[in-house]
Amino acid sequence: MEIFLVGTSHAVASSRVRERMHVDIGEVYDVLAPLRASRRVLSEAVPLATCGRLELYGVSSDPQRAVRMLSRLMARHTGISRAELEGHAYVYRDSEAVRHLFRVASGLDSVIHGEAQILGQVRDAARHPRMRETAGPLLHRLFQHALRTGKRVRSETGIGRGAGSLVSASVAMLQREIGDLRHVSVLILGAGDTGALMARLLVKAGVGRLTVANRTLETAQELGRELGADACDLGSIDTALAGADVVIGAVAAQEAIVSKRMITSLPPDTRPRHFLDLAHPRNFDPGLEDVSGVTVFDLEHVFNRVEAAREARLAHLPRALQVIEEEAGTFEKWYRSRESSTVVEAVRRSMLERAMSEADRYAGRAPDEQREQMRRLARSVARAILHQPTVALRDADPSSAHGRALLEHASELFGVEDPFNSTGKQRAGASTTEDRAANLPDTTDDTAPRT
């Protein structure tokens, strides 16, 4: 089995292209769940979707075939040709896939190096209610380890200092464009993570008036009470639009929330002057850019305006990369150990069974208390004898000649069934890597879901 990923991000595709590739995360799970259940090509899968990326992490015995299959499904779902998809996507396998996710969680693959929001988005992916339908021990462990890596980079380096997030960069951009916000009226569409964060930062920046619109009115009202803002539902934004200077889009929706007609039907002196679209797909009709007196910003504009701030944080990049290498090495050591754990378990089980059998044989018809004492002594002696062989087998690297030799000859030395054939592949009937990994001790983020 091999870990792989296929994805697209701001690094290879513009916001317009990514918008065409957008798919609802629930629909992604609808496709992945039966594929994973069949186990014919895809053993595990986890999607990661943010405003700047869409990635699918998978585990397969045939990653190339899995990628081709997923590309066909994506093309069918979006209507974009496979050739165009491949021109705006990337594929990583094995250690490259591991390091890429660790870079993403650490904020090193973001437009703003060290931005804070991405770690929360990776955590959300690792806690998605449907993740248990498609993920298994490998990807659970991978995402837990990615969260730990991101936390280390943030705590041990200064790469995130002052980086904030795309949302904080957006507020700074508005301040540069508009100036003092104390006399500005802002309408935010959406009270989710992005909308709520934007609302809090605007209040902190001293915005004059704030209105929050949301599909669920109660959610908007709750945020409004917290921040001293007005609230309305998305179906009643016409009045709020007429009184706003700035409109910010942060709603997860398949279609535009604000159309060109909604704005042109307002008297020119009551139309919002600035629109900032932080949603993907966009909340605002592209035709708004043609309306006189209106300025529209989207994520691409934010991306372009944060380049200068990146330089100050690049000095911390070497240490951040060192942390990623350390954590990747730890994960890969565990990943390799799954093979050796099969041999270790077989040896320990066989030796302990023999020790118990010998204890029972020598105990004969002894009283139960004496028999149990002999069994405890036999277990203790067997474990003491097994300690050093167990350490050697668990540390054996199956990718090295020495490690492979230890694992392949363990069955002969200890008289257990050989779990490997001549090519090192696991025999039918041996415990699966997923079963073994599920029983390994968890040393990573204890807040992520487990099987």
Protein backbone atom coordinates (compact mmCIF):
# COMPACT_ATOMS: atom_id res chain seq x y z
CA MET A 1 0.00 0.00 0.00
CA GLU A 2 1.24 3.48 -0.82
CA ILE A 3 0.13 6.96 0.22
CA PHE A 4 -0.53 9.40 -2.62
CA LEU A 5 -2.29 12.68 -3.25
CA VAL A 6 -3.79 14.43 -6.25
CA GLY A 7 -4.78 18.06 -5.98
CA THR A 8 -4.83 21.63 -7.19
CA SER A 9 -4.07 24.90 -5.43
CA HIS A 10 -3.24 28.54 -5.98
CA ALA A 11 0.28 27.40 -6.89
CA VAL A 12 -0.85 25.81 -10.18
CA ALA A 13 -4.29 27.25 -10.93
CA SER A 14 -5.87 30.70 -10.85
CA SER A 15 -9.00 31.35 -8.80
CA ARG A 16 -11.10 31.25 -11.99
CA VAL A 17 -9.80 27.78 -12.85
CA ARG A 18 -10.18 26.52 -9.26
CA GLU A 19 -13.73 27.81 -9.24
CA ARG A 20 -14.57 25.62 -12.23
CA MET A 21 -13.04 22.65 -10.41
CA HIS A 22 -15.03 23.29 -7.23
CA VAL A 23 -17.01 20.38 -5.85
CA ASP A 24 -18.98 20.17 -2.63
CA ILE A 25 -17.11 18.18 0.03
CA GLY A 26 -20.22 16.12 0.73
CA GLU A 27 -20.37 15.09 -2.92
CA VAL A 28 -16.69 14.09 -2.74
CA TYR A 29 -17.50 11.77 0.16
CA ASP A 30 -20.49 10.41 -1.75
CA VAL A 31 -18.07 9.27 -4.46
CA LEU A 32 -15.27 8.11 -2.16
CA ALA A 33 -17.32 6.04 0.30
CA PRO A 34 -18.35 3.26 -2.14
CA LEU A 35 -14.88 3.25 -3.75
CA ARG A 36 -13.23 2.73 -0.40
CA ALA A 37 -15.78 0.13 0.60
CA SER A 38 -15.00 -1.93 -2.50
CA ARG A 39 -11.23 -1.86 -1.70
CA ARG A 40 -10.46 -2.75 -5.34
CA VAL A 41 -8.40 0.37 -6.08
CA LEU A 42 -8.74 2.76 -3.15
CA SER A 43 -8.12 1.48 0.38
CA GLU A 44 -8.33 4.85 2.14
CA ALA A 45 -9.10 8.43 1.16
CA VAL A 46 -9.45 11.87 2.79
CA PRO A 47 -10.29 15.11 0.95
CA LEU A 48 -8.83 18.46 2.04
CA ALA A 49 -10.68 21.52 0.72
CA THR A 50 -9.88 25.15 1.52
CA CYS A 51 -10.42 28.43 -0.28
CA GLY A 52 -7.09 27.97 -2.04
CA ARG A 53 -6.83 24.22 -2.60
CA LEU A 54 -8.63 20.96 -3.24
CA GLU A 55 -6.61 17.84 -2.49
CA LEU A 56 -7.41 14.18 -2.14
CA TYR A 57 -5.13 11.97 -0.05
CA GLY A 58 -5.38 8.27 -0.71
CA VAL A 59 -3.88 4.85 0.02
CA SER A 60 -3.70 2.31 -2.77
CA SER A 61 -1.70 -0.69 -3.93
CA ASP A 62 -1.84 0.86 -7.41
CA PRO A 63 -1.59 4.68 -7.01
CA GLN A 64 -1.29 5.35 -10.75
CA ARG A 65 -4.54 3.55 -11.45
CA ALA A 66 -6.22 5.27 -8.49
CA VAL A 67 -5.17 8.71 -9.78
CA ARG A 68 -6.48 7.94 -13.27
CA MET A 69 -9.77 6.76 -11.84
CA LEU A 70 -10.15 9.85 -9.65
CA SER A 71 -9.28 12.12 -12.58
CA ARG A 72 -12.02 10.52 -14.68
CA LEU A 73 -14.53 10.96 -11.87
CA MET A 74 -13.51 14.60 -11.40
CA ALA A 75 -13.79 15.31 -15.12
CA ARG A 76 -17.22 13.70 -15.23
CA HIS A 77 -18.38 15.65 -12.19
CA THR A 78 -17.10 19.09 -13.23
CA GLY A 79 -17.38 18.88 -17.01
CA ILE A 80 -13.70 19.85 -17.35
CA SER A 81 -11.62 17.69 -19.67
CA ARG A 82 -9.02 15.40 -18.13
CA ALA A 83 -6.31 17.15 -20.15
CA GLU A 84 -7.25 20.52 -18.63
CA LEU A 85 -7.50 19.03 -15.16
CA GLU A 86 -4.03 17.52 -15.45
CA GLY A 87 -2.67 20.88 -16.60
CA HIS A 88 -3.75 22.48 -13.32
CA ALA A 89 -3.07 19.66 -10.87
CA TYR A 90 -0.21 17.84 -9.16
CA VAL A 91 0.35 14.28 -7.95
CA TYR A 92 2.67 13.28 -5.10
CA ARG A 93 3.44 9.79 -3.87
CA ASP A 94 4.96 8.17 -0.80
CA SER A 95 7.38 10.47 1.08
CA GLU A 96 6.60 13.44 -1.20
CA ALA A 97 2.91 13.17 -0.30
CA VAL A 98 3.75 13.02 3.42
CA ARG A 99 6.01 16.07 3.26
CA HIS A 100 3.50 18.01 1.19
CA LEU A 101 0.75 17.58 3.79
CA PHE A 102 3.16 18.55 6.56
CA ARG A 103 4.09 21.69 4.61
CA VAL A 104 0.41 22.50 4.09
CA ALA A 105 -0.39 22.09 7.81
CA SER A 106 2.61 24.26 8.69
CA GLY A 107 1.47 27.07 6.41
CA LEU A 108 4.46 26.74 4.08
CA ASP A 109 2.33 25.98 1.04
CA SER A 110 0.02 28.93 1.67
CA VAL A 111 0.10 32.26 -0.13
CA ILE A 112 0.95 33.80 3.24
CA HIS A 113 3.78 31.74 4.71
CA GLY A 114 2.84 30.68 8.21
CA GLU A 115 -0.80 31.75 7.95
CA ALA A 116 -2.80 30.54 10.92
CA GLN A 117 -6.08 29.47 9.34
CA ILE A 118 -4.76 26.48 7.39
CA LEU A 119 -3.93 24.44 10.50
CA GLY A 120 -7.56 24.71 11.58
CA GLN A 121 -8.70 23.67 8.12
CA VAL A 122 -6.49 20.58 8.23
CA ARG A 123 -7.94 19.82 11.67
CA ASP A 124 -11.46 20.21 10.27
CA ALA A 125 -10.60 17.70 7.53
CA ALA A 126 -9.28 15.26 10.14
CA ARG A 127 -12.49 15.63 12.16
CA HIS A 128 -15.01 15.59 9.32
CA PRO A 129 -18.04 13.50 10.35
CA ARG A 130 -17.74 11.35 7.24
CA MET A 131 -14.01 10.74 7.46
CA ARG A 132 -14.60 7.41 9.17
CA GLU A 133 -16.37 6.19 6.02
CA THR A 134 -13.28 6.62 3.85
CA ALA A 135 -10.16 6.80 6.03
CA GLY A 136 -8.27 4.05 7.80
CA PRO A 137 -5.31 3.77 10.18
CA LEU A 138 -2.74 5.13 7.69
CA LEU A 139 -4.49 8.39 6.85
CA HIS A 140 -5.76 8.89 10.39
CA ARG A 141 -2.16 8.68 11.60
CA LEU A 142 -0.90 10.84 8.73
CA PHE A 143 -3.34 13.68 9.49
CA GLN A 144 -2.70 13.46 13.23
CA HIS A 145 1.01 13.72 12.54
CA ALA A 146 0.44 16.65 10.18
CA LEU A 147 -1.38 18.51 12.96
CA ARG A 148 1.47 17.86 15.34
CA THR A 149 3.95 19.11 12.74
CA GLY A 150 1.98 22.29 12.14
CA LYS A 151 1.83 23.00 15.86
CA ARG A 152 5.59 22.48 16.22
CA VAL A 153 6.37 24.83 13.33
CA ARG A 154 4.15 27.53 14.82
CA SER A 155 5.57 27.15 18.34
CA GLU A 156 9.26 26.62 17.46
CA THR A 157 9.68 29.15 14.64
CA GLY A 158 8.65 32.72 13.95
CA ILE A 159 7.33 31.97 10.49
CA GLY A 160 3.75 32.61 11.59
CA ARG A 161 4.53 35.80 13.50
CA GLY A 162 2.46 38.57 12.00
CA ALA A 163 1.19 36.31 9.22
CA GLY A 164 -2.34 36.01 10.58
CA SER A 165 -4.45 34.63 7.75
CA LEU A 166 -5.97 35.53 4.42
CA VAL A 167 -8.77 37.12 6.40
CA SER A 168 -6.45 39.42 8.33
CA ALA A 169 -4.67 40.26 5.08
CA SER A 170 -8.05 41.12 3.59
CA VAL A 171 -8.84 43.53 6.44
CA ALA A 172 -5.46 45.20 5.97
CA MET A 173 -6.17 45.52 2.25
CA LEU A 174 -9.54 47.17 2.93
CA GLN A 175 -7.88 49.62 5.29
CA ARG A 176 -5.35 50.54 2.62
CA GLU A 177 -8.08 50.98 0.01
CA ILE A 178 -10.66 52.80 2.12
CA GLY A 179 -8.70 54.31 4.98
CA ASP A 180 -10.36 54.86 8.34
CA LEU A 181 -13.12 52.29 8.87
CA ARG A 182 -14.89 54.18 11.66
CA HIS A 183 -17.43 55.71 9.25
CA VAL A 184 -17.79 52.63 7.03
CA SER A 185 -20.79 50.27 6.96
CA VAL A 186 -19.91 46.64 6.19
CA LEU A 187 -22.21 43.75 5.27
CA ILE A 188 -20.75 40.25 5.73
CA LEU A 189 -22.42 37.36 3.95
CA GLY A 190 -21.88 34.22 6.00
CA ALA A 191 -21.36 33.58 9.72
CA GLY A 192 -19.15 30.50 9.38
CA ASP A 193 -15.46 30.36 10.30
CA THR A 194 -14.32 32.86 7.66
CA GLY A 195 -17.24 35.25 8.09
CA ALA A 196 -17.04 35.19 11.89
CA LEU A 197 -13.28 35.78 11.86
CA MET A 198 -13.72 38.65 9.40
CA ALA A 199 -16.43 40.17 11.62
CA ARG A 200 -14.24 40.01 14.73
CA LEU A 201 -11.25 41.57 12.96
CA LEU A 202 -13.38 44.38 11.54
CA VAL A 203 -14.79 45.18 14.97
CA LYS A 204 -11.26 45.19 16.34
CA ALA A 205 -10.29 47.57 13.51
CA GLY A 206 -13.08 49.93 14.62
CA VAL A 207 -15.59 49.50 11.78
CA GLY A 208 -18.50 51.96 12.02
CA ARG A 209 -21.42 49.61 11.41
CA LEU A 210 -21.50 45.86 10.85
CA THR A 211 -24.29 43.62 9.57
CA VAL A 212 -24.01 39.83 9.40
CA ALA A 213 -26.25 37.87 7.02
CA ASN A 214 -26.51 34.10 7.20
CA ARG A 215 -28.73 31.29 5.94
CA THR A 216 -29.63 30.50 9.54
CA LEU A 217 -30.78 33.74 11.15
CA GLU A 218 -30.15 32.47 14.68
CA THR A 219 -26.44 31.99 13.91
CA ALA A 220 -26.16 35.54 12.53
CA GLN A 221 -28.01 36.91 15.57
CA GLU A 222 -25.74 35.03 17.97
CA LEU A 223 -22.63 36.50 16.31
CA GLY A 224 -24.32 39.90 16.19
CA ARG A 225 -25.00 39.87 19.93
CA GLU A 226 -21.39 38.96 20.60
CA LEU A 227 -20.01 41.80 18.46
CA GLY A 228 -22.74 44.42 18.70
CA ALA A 229 -23.67 43.93 15.04
CA ASP A 230 -26.96 43.79 13.17
CA ALA A 231 -28.19 40.48 11.73
CA CYS A 232 -30.41 39.28 8.91
CA ASP A 233 -30.91 36.15 6.81
CA LEU A 234 -29.52 35.79 3.30
CA GLY A 235 -32.98 35.98 1.80
CA SER A 236 -33.40 39.53 3.12
CA ILE A 237 -30.18 41.23 2.08
CA ASP A 238 -31.67 43.74 -0.37
CA THR A 239 -32.19 46.33 2.38
CA ALA A 240 -28.77 45.62 3.93
CA LEU A 241 -27.10 46.04 0.52
CA ALA A 242 -28.58 49.50 0.13
CA GLY A 243 -27.04 50.67 3.38
CA ALA A 244 -23.57 49.11 3.00
CA ASP A 245 -20.34 50.67 1.81
CA VAL A 246 -18.52 47.33 1.70
CA VAL A 247 -19.93 43.83 1.09
CA ILE A 248 -17.85 40.78 1.99
CA GLY A 249 -18.73 37.33 0.65
CA ALA A 250 -17.94 34.30 2.83
CA VAL A 251 -20.78 31.88 2.06
CA ALA A 252 -20.26 28.30 0.86
CA ALA A 253 -22.67 28.28 -2.09
CA GLN A 254 -22.77 26.82 -5.57
CA GLU A 255 -24.23 29.99 -7.14
CA ALA A 256 -23.64 33.72 -6.73
CA ILE A 257 -25.42 35.31 -3.75
CA VAL A 258 -25.30 38.86 -5.13
CA SER A 259 -26.22 39.35 -8.78
CA LYS A 260 -25.44 42.31 -11.02
CA ARG A 261 -29.16 43.07 -11.24
CA MET A 262 -29.45 43.37 -7.45
CA ILE A 263 -26.86 46.15 -7.48
CA THR A 264 -27.88 47.99 -10.64
CA SER A 265 -31.46 48.15 -9.36
CA LEU A 266 -30.24 50.29 -6.42
CA PRO A 267 -29.91 54.09 -6.85
CA PRO A 268 -26.25 54.92 -7.65
CA ASP A 269 -25.79 56.88 -4.43
CA THR A 270 -26.87 53.89 -2.28
CA ARG A 271 -24.84 51.16 -4.00
CA PRO A 272 -21.99 49.51 -2.10
CA ARG A 273 -18.67 50.81 -3.39
CA HIS A 274 -16.44 47.85 -2.54
CA PHE A 275 -17.01 44.09 -2.79
CA LEU A 276 -14.54 41.62 -1.29
CA ASP A 277 -15.15 38.00 -2.29
CA LEU A 278 -13.50 35.47 0.04
CA ALA A 279 -15.70 32.58 -1.06
CA HIS A 280 -14.93 29.73 -3.40
CA PRO A 281 -16.90 29.53 -5.64
CA ARG A 282 -17.47 33.28 -5.72
CA ASN A 283 -20.43 34.87 -3.94
CA PHE A 284 -20.57 37.81 -6.36
CA ASP A 285 -21.64 37.83 -9.99
CA PRO A 286 -18.54 38.55 -12.15
CA GLY A 287 -20.69 41.12 -13.95
CA LEU A 288 -20.36 43.40 -10.90
CA GLU A 289 -16.93 44.39 -12.19
CA ASP A 290 -18.66 46.23 -15.05
CA VAL A 291 -20.87 48.36 -12.76
CA SER A 292 -19.76 51.99 -12.63
CA GLY A 293 -18.40 53.11 -9.25
CA VAL A 294 -18.00 49.57 -7.96
CA THR A 295 -14.67 47.90 -7.11
CA VAL A 296 -14.52 44.13 -6.75
CA PHE A 297 -11.71 42.27 -5.01
CA ASP A 298 -11.38 38.50 -4.84
CA LEU A 299 -8.88 36.06 -3.37
CA GLU A 300 -6.53 36.64 -6.28
CA HIS A 301 -6.24 40.31 -5.31
CA VAL A 302 -5.48 39.36 -1.72
CA PHE A 303 -2.85 36.88 -2.88
CA ASN A 304 -1.12 39.52 -5.00
CA ARG A 305 -0.99 42.03 -2.14
CA VAL A 306 0.70 39.83 0.45
CA GLU A 307 3.86 39.00 -1.49
CA ALA A 308 5.93 41.75 0.11
CA ALA A 309 5.12 40.62 3.64
CA ARG A 310 6.40 37.14 2.83
CA GLU A 311 10.05 38.17 2.73
CA ALA A 312 10.20 38.98 6.45
CA ARG A 313 9.11 35.46 7.32
CA LEU A 314 11.38 33.61 4.91
CA ALA A 315 14.24 33.88 7.41
CA HIS A 316 12.40 31.30 9.53
CA LEU A 317 11.91 28.88 6.65
CA PRO A 318 15.04 26.72 7.20
CA ARG A 319 14.05 25.86 10.78
CA ALA A 320 10.47 25.16 9.70
CA LEU A 321 11.72 22.79 7.01
CA GLN A 322 13.97 21.09 9.57
CA VAL A 323 10.95 20.44 11.81
CA ILE A 324 9.06 19.00 8.84
CA GLU A 325 11.97 16.68 8.01
CA GLU A 326 12.16 15.49 11.62
CA GLU A 327 8.44 14.76 11.76
CA ALA A 328 8.43 13.15 8.31
CA GLY A 329 11.26 10.88 9.44
CA THR A 330 9.30 9.90 12.55
CA PHE A 331 6.18 9.14 10.53
CA GLU A 332 8.09 7.12 7.94
CA LYS A 333 9.80 5.09 10.67
CA TRP A 334 6.35 4.18 12.01
CA TYR A 335 5.14 3.53 8.46
CA ARG A 336 7.99 1.05 7.84
CA SER A 337 7.52 -0.54 11.26
CA ARG A 338 4.09 -1.84 10.25
CA GLU A 339 5.79 -4.64 8.31
CA SER A 340 8.14 -5.59 11.12
CA SER A 341 5.25 -5.56 13.62
CA THR A 342 3.76 -8.59 11.87
CA VAL A 343 6.91 -10.60 12.58
CA VAL A 344 7.22 -9.25 16.13
CA GLU A 345 3.63 -10.19 16.94
CA ALA A 346 4.07 -13.70 15.54
CA VAL A 347 7.28 -14.29 17.53
CA ARG A 348 5.88 -12.93 20.80
CA ARG A 349 2.63 -14.86 20.46
CA SER A 350 4.44 -18.12 19.71
CA MET A 351 6.97 -17.77 22.54
CA LEU A 352 4.36 -16.81 25.13
CA GLU A 353 2.14 -19.72 24.11
CA ARG A 354 5.08 -22.13 24.48
CA ALA A 355 5.98 -20.66 27.86
CA MET A 356 2.40 -21.13 29.09
CA SER A 357 2.32 -24.67 27.76
CA GLU A 358 5.56 -25.57 29.54
CA ALA A 359 4.36 -23.96 32.78
CA ASP A 360 1.14 -25.97 32.65
CA ARG A 361 3.05 -29.18 31.87
CA TYR A 362 5.40 -28.79 34.84
CA ALA A 363 2.61 -27.65 37.15
CA GLY A 364 0.80 -30.93 36.58
CA ARG A 365 -1.88 -31.26 39.25
CA ALA A 366 -0.49 -28.50 41.44
CA PRO A 367 -2.99 -26.20 43.19
CA ASP A 368 -4.37 -23.30 41.16
CA GLU A 369 -2.35 -20.69 43.07
CA GLN A 370 0.92 -22.55 42.43
CA ARG A 371 -0.01 -23.09 38.78
CA GLU A 372 -0.67 -19.34 38.36
CA GLN A 373 2.70 -18.52 39.97
CA MET A 374 4.47 -20.78 37.48
CA ARG A 375 2.58 -19.18 34.60
CA ARG A 376 3.57 -15.69 35.80
CA LEU A 377 7.21 -16.76 36.07
CA ALA A 378 7.11 -18.31 32.58
CA ARG A 379 5.63 -15.12 31.10
CA SER A 380 8.27 -12.99 32.82
CA VAL A 381 11.16 -15.16 31.61
CA ALA A 382 9.79 -15.29 28.05
CA ARG A 383 9.41 -11.51 27.92
CA ALA A 384 12.92 -10.98 29.25
CA ILE A 385 14.37 -13.32 26.61
CA LEU A 386 12.29 -11.67 23.87
CA HIS A 387 13.22 -8.09 24.76
CA GLN A 388 16.35 -7.71 22.63
CA PRO A 389 15.03 -9.68 19.60
CA THR A 390 11.84 -7.61 19.76
CA VAL A 391 13.78 -4.33 19.73
CA ALA A 392 15.90 -5.51 16.80
CA LEU A 393 12.92 -6.67 14.76
CA ARG A 394 10.89 -3.53 15.46
CA ASP A 395 13.82 -1.32 14.44
CA ALA A 396 14.46 -3.33 11.28
CA ASP A 397 14.00 -1.26 8.13
CA PRO A 398 12.25 -3.45 5.52
CA SER A 399 13.69 -1.25 2.75
CA SER A 400 17.29 -2.16 3.70
CA ALA A 401 19.01 -5.47 2.96
CA HIS A 402 19.93 -5.97 6.62
CA GLY A 403 16.42 -5.21 7.86
CA ARG A 404 14.81 -7.45 5.25
CA ALA A 405 17.18 -10.30 6.20
CA LEU A 406 16.26 -10.01 9.88
CA LEU A 407 12.55 -10.11 9.11
CA GLU A 408 12.73 -12.95 6.61
CA HIS A 409 14.87 -15.18 8.86
CA ALA A 410 12.96 -14.51 12.08
CA SER A 411 10.51 -17.31 11.29
CA GLU A 412 13.34 -19.83 10.97
CA LEU A 413 15.10 -18.64 14.13
CA PHE A 414 11.98 -18.64 16.30
CA GLY A 415 9.98 -21.40 14.59
CA VAL A 416 6.98 -19.30 13.53
CA GLU A 417 5.13 -19.15 10.25
CA ASP A 418 6.90 -16.98 7.66
CA PRO A 419 4.60 -13.98 7.04
CA PHE A 420 6.56 -13.04 3.88
CA ASN A 421 7.18 -14.82 0.61
CA SER A 422 10.41 -14.58 -1.39
CA THR A 423 9.56 -11.11 -2.70
CA GLY A 424 8.75 -9.74 0.72
CA LYS A 425 5.00 -9.48 0.10
CA GLN A 426 2.61 -10.51 2.80
CA ARG A 427 1.01 -13.93 2.43
CA ALA A 428 -2.72 -14.40 2.24
CA GLY A 429 -4.17 -14.94 5.69
CA ALA A 430 -1.58 -12.84 7.52
CA SER A 431 -2.91 -9.89 9.50
CA THR A 432 -3.40 -6.82 7.34
CA THR A 433 -1.35 -3.66 7.69
CA GLU A 434 -4.52 -1.83 8.70
CA ASP A 435 -5.17 -4.32 11.52
CA ARG A 436 -1.60 -3.96 12.75
CA ALA A 437 -1.54 -0.18 12.50
CA ALA A 438 -4.82 0.09 14.37
CA ASN A 439 -3.19 -1.57 17.39
CA LEU A 440 -0.06 0.60 17.47
CA PRO A 441 0.22 3.13 20.32
CA ASP A 442 -0.83 6.64 19.30
CA THR A 443 1.82 9.27 20.02
CA THR A 444 0.35 12.13 18.03
CA ASP A 445 -2.47 14.66 18.36
CA ASP A 446 -5.01 13.16 20.72
CA THR A 447 -7.85 15.35 19.44
CA ALA A 448 -8.05 13.81 15.97
CA PRO A 449 -10.46 10.94 15.23
CA ARG A 450 -9.38 7.34 15.52
CA THR A 451 -10.70 4.03 14.35
